[in-house]
C-alpha atoms as a PDB file:
ATOM      1  CA  MET A   1      36.837 -10.857 -24.980  1.00  0.00           C
ATOM      2  CA  ASP A   2      38.980  -8.023 -25.690  1.00  0.00           C
ATOM      3  CA  GLN A   3      40.835  -8.404 -23.102  1.00  0.00           C
ATOM      4  CA  ALA A   4      42.026 -12.057 -23.500  1.00  0.00           C
ATOM      5  CA  ILE A   5      42.476 -10.653 -27.467  1.00  0.00           C
ATOM      6  CA  GLN A   6      44.767  -7.774 -25.951  1.00  0.00           C
ATOM      7  CA  VAL A   7      46.751 -10.519 -24.025  1.00  0.00           C
ATOM      8  CA  VAL A   8      47.202 -12.455 -27.380  1.00  0.00           C
ATOM      9  CA  GLY A   9      48.860  -9.709 -29.184  1.00  0.00           C
ATOM     10  CA  ALA A  10      50.915  -8.987 -26.336  1.00  0.00           C
ATOM     11  CA  LEU A  11      51.849 -12.268 -26.385  1.00  0.00           C
ATOM     12  CA  LEU A  12      53.082 -12.141 -29.683  1.00  0.00           C
ATOM     13  CA  VAL A  13      55.276  -9.461 -29.893  1.00  0.00           C
ATOM     14  CA  LEU A  14      56.774 -10.523 -26.204  1.00  0.00           C
ATOM     15  CA  ALA A  15      57.267 -14.054 -27.945  1.00  0.00           C
ATOM     16  CA  GLY A  16      59.351 -12.565 -30.432  1.00  0.00           C
ATOM     17  CA  PHE A  17      60.842 -10.184 -28.629  1.00  0.00           C
ATOM     18  CA  ALA A  18      62.831 -12.601 -25.335  1.00  0.00           C
ATOM     19  CA  ALA A  19      63.306 -15.321 -28.405  1.00  0.00           C
ATOM     20  CA  ALA A  20      65.579 -12.506 -30.132  1.00  0.00           C
ATOM     21  CA  GLN A  21      66.708 -12.014 -26.507  1.00  0.00           C
ATOM     22  CA  PHE A  22      67.640 -15.903 -26.561  1.00  0.00           C
ATOM     23  CA  GLY A  23      69.299 -15.969 -29.701  1.00  0.00           C
ATOM     24  CA  TRP A  24      66.355 -18.061 -30.385  1.00  0.00           C
ATOM     25  CA  LEU A  25      65.476 -15.915 -33.248  1.00  0.00           C
ATOM     26  CA  ARG A  26      67.774 -13.160 -35.541  1.00  0.00           C
ATOM     27  CA  VAL A  27      65.636  -9.842 -35.490  1.00  0.00           C
ATOM     28  CA  ASP A  28      65.548 -10.680 -39.867  1.00  0.00           C
ATOM     29  CA  SER A  29      64.170 -13.508 -39.832  1.00  0.00           C
ATOM     30  CA  ARG A  30      60.553 -14.127 -41.638  1.00  0.00           C
ATOM     31  CA  THR A  31      59.453 -15.308 -38.116  1.00  0.00           C
ATOM     32  CA  TYR A  32      60.665 -12.182 -35.712  1.00  0.00           C
ATOM     33  CA  LEU A  33      58.934 -10.006 -37.833  1.00  0.00           C
ATOM     34  CA  LEU A  34      55.340 -11.931 -38.747  1.00  0.00           C
ATOM     35  CA  LEU A  35      55.115 -12.075 -34.435  1.00  0.00           C
ATOM     36  CA  ASN A  36      55.841  -8.759 -33.940  1.00  0.00           C
ATOM     37  CA  LEU A  37      53.705  -7.634 -37.492  1.00  0.00           C
ATOM     38  CA  LEU A  38      50.723  -9.587 -36.082  1.00  0.00           C
ATOM     39  CA  GLY A  39      50.908  -8.906 -32.413  1.00  0.00           C
ATOM     40  CA  SER A  40      50.985  -5.339 -33.255  1.00  0.00           C
ATOM     41  CA  ALA A  41      47.975  -5.185 -35.945  1.00  0.00           C
ATOM     42  CA  VAL A  42      45.931  -6.821 -33.263  1.00  0.00           C
ATOM     43  CA  LEU A  43      46.972  -4.785 -30.262  1.00  0.00           C
ATOM     44  CA  SER A  44      46.157  -1.433 -32.860  1.00  0.00           C
ATOM     45  CA  TYR A  45      43.574  -2.503 -33.744  1.00  0.00           C
ATOM     46  CA  LEU A  46      42.188  -2.835 -30.114  1.00  0.00           C
ATOM     47  CA  ALA A  47      43.972   0.773 -29.633  1.00  0.00           C
ATOM     48  CA  TRP A  48      41.878   2.204 -32.555  1.00  0.00           C
ATOM     49  CA  HIS A  49      38.495   0.486 -31.340  1.00  0.00           C
ATOM     50  CA  GLU A  50      39.017   1.817 -27.428  1.00  0.00           C
ATOM     51  CA  GLU A  51      40.161   5.114 -29.051  1.00  0.00           C
ATOM     52  CA  GLN A  52      43.217   4.612 -27.238  1.00  0.00           C
ATOM     53  CA  TRP A  53      45.010   7.289 -30.108  1.00  0.00           C
ATOM     54  CA  GLY A  54      48.404   7.239 -28.234  1.00  0.00           C
ATOM     55  CA  PHE A  55      48.957   3.046 -27.975  1.00  0.00           C
ATOM     56  CA  LEU A  56      47.660   3.146 -31.208  1.00  0.00           C
ATOM     57  CA  LEU A  57      50.121   4.990 -32.404  1.00  0.00           C
ATOM     58  CA  LEU A  58      52.420   3.063 -30.891  1.00  0.00           C
ATOM     59  CA  GLU A  59      51.165   0.251 -32.102  1.00  0.00           C
ATOM     60  CA  ALA A  60      50.570   0.851 -35.825  1.00  0.00           C
ATOM     61  CA  VAL A  61      53.976   1.967 -36.629  1.00  0.00           C
ATOM     62  CA  TRP A  62      55.564  -1.257 -34.651  1.00  0.00           C
ATOM     63  CA  ALA A  63      53.264  -3.407 -37.138  1.00  0.00           C
ATOM     64  CA  ALA A  64      53.946  -0.761 -40.698  1.00  0.00           C
ATOM     65  CA  VAL A  65      57.890  -0.964 -39.500  1.00  0.00           C
ATOM     66  CA  SER A  66      57.467  -4.902 -39.329  1.00  0.00           C
ATOM     67  CA  LEU A  67      55.548  -4.957 -42.230  1.00  0.00           C
ATOM     68  CA  TRP A  68      58.391  -2.940 -44.684  1.00  0.00           C
ATOM     69  CA  SER A  69      60.756  -5.148 -43.319  1.00  0.00           C
ATOM     70  CA  LEU A  70      59.158  -7.902 -44.354  1.00  0.00           C
ATOM     71  CA  VAL A  71      58.460  -6.273 -48.181  1.00  0.00           C
ATOM     72  CA  ARG A  72      61.897  -5.864 -48.025  1.00  0.00           C
ATOM     73  CA  LEU A  73      63.245  -9.476 -46.948  1.00  0.00           C
ATOM     74  CA  ALA A  74      60.550 -10.734 -49.734  1.00  0.00           C
ATOM     75  CA  ARG A  75      62.394  -8.352 -52.411  1.00  0.00           C
ATOM     76  CA  GLY A  76      65.849  -9.929 -51.888  1.00  0.00           C
ATOM     77  CA  LEU A  77      66.709  -6.758 -49.550  1.00  0.00           C
ATOM     78  CA  PRO A  78      68.428  -6.794 -45.664  1.00  0.00           C
ATOM     79  CA  VAL A  79      66.178  -5.592 -43.488  1.00  0.00           C
ATOM     80  CA  ALA A  80      67.894  -1.883 -42.191  1.00  0.00           C
ATOM     81  CA  GLY A  81      69.223  -1.902 -38.941  1.00  0.00           C
ATOM     82  CA  ALA A  82      69.767  -5.854 -38.619  1.00  0.00           C
ATOM     83  CA  HIS A  83      73.605  -5.782 -37.271  1.00  0.00           C
ATOM     84  CA  ARG A  84      75.229  -9.234 -37.667  1.00  0.00           C
END
């Protein structure tokens, strides 16, 4: 079951990445950031549960940065690094 959940988490992150690369989503959009936050949060939990510390570091930071960007958007501030 953990493998299926891991695949779902990875697909969420990859969906946001692919959509941004194809021009379907902007990297400063709520949808893109939510896909990254949800996917990386799922992967973070699984990494913690399986004691995969390097993977946990990667995914936890990914989730934290996505959350930080969503908070900035909610406050009406631009997302840092969103080039136009």
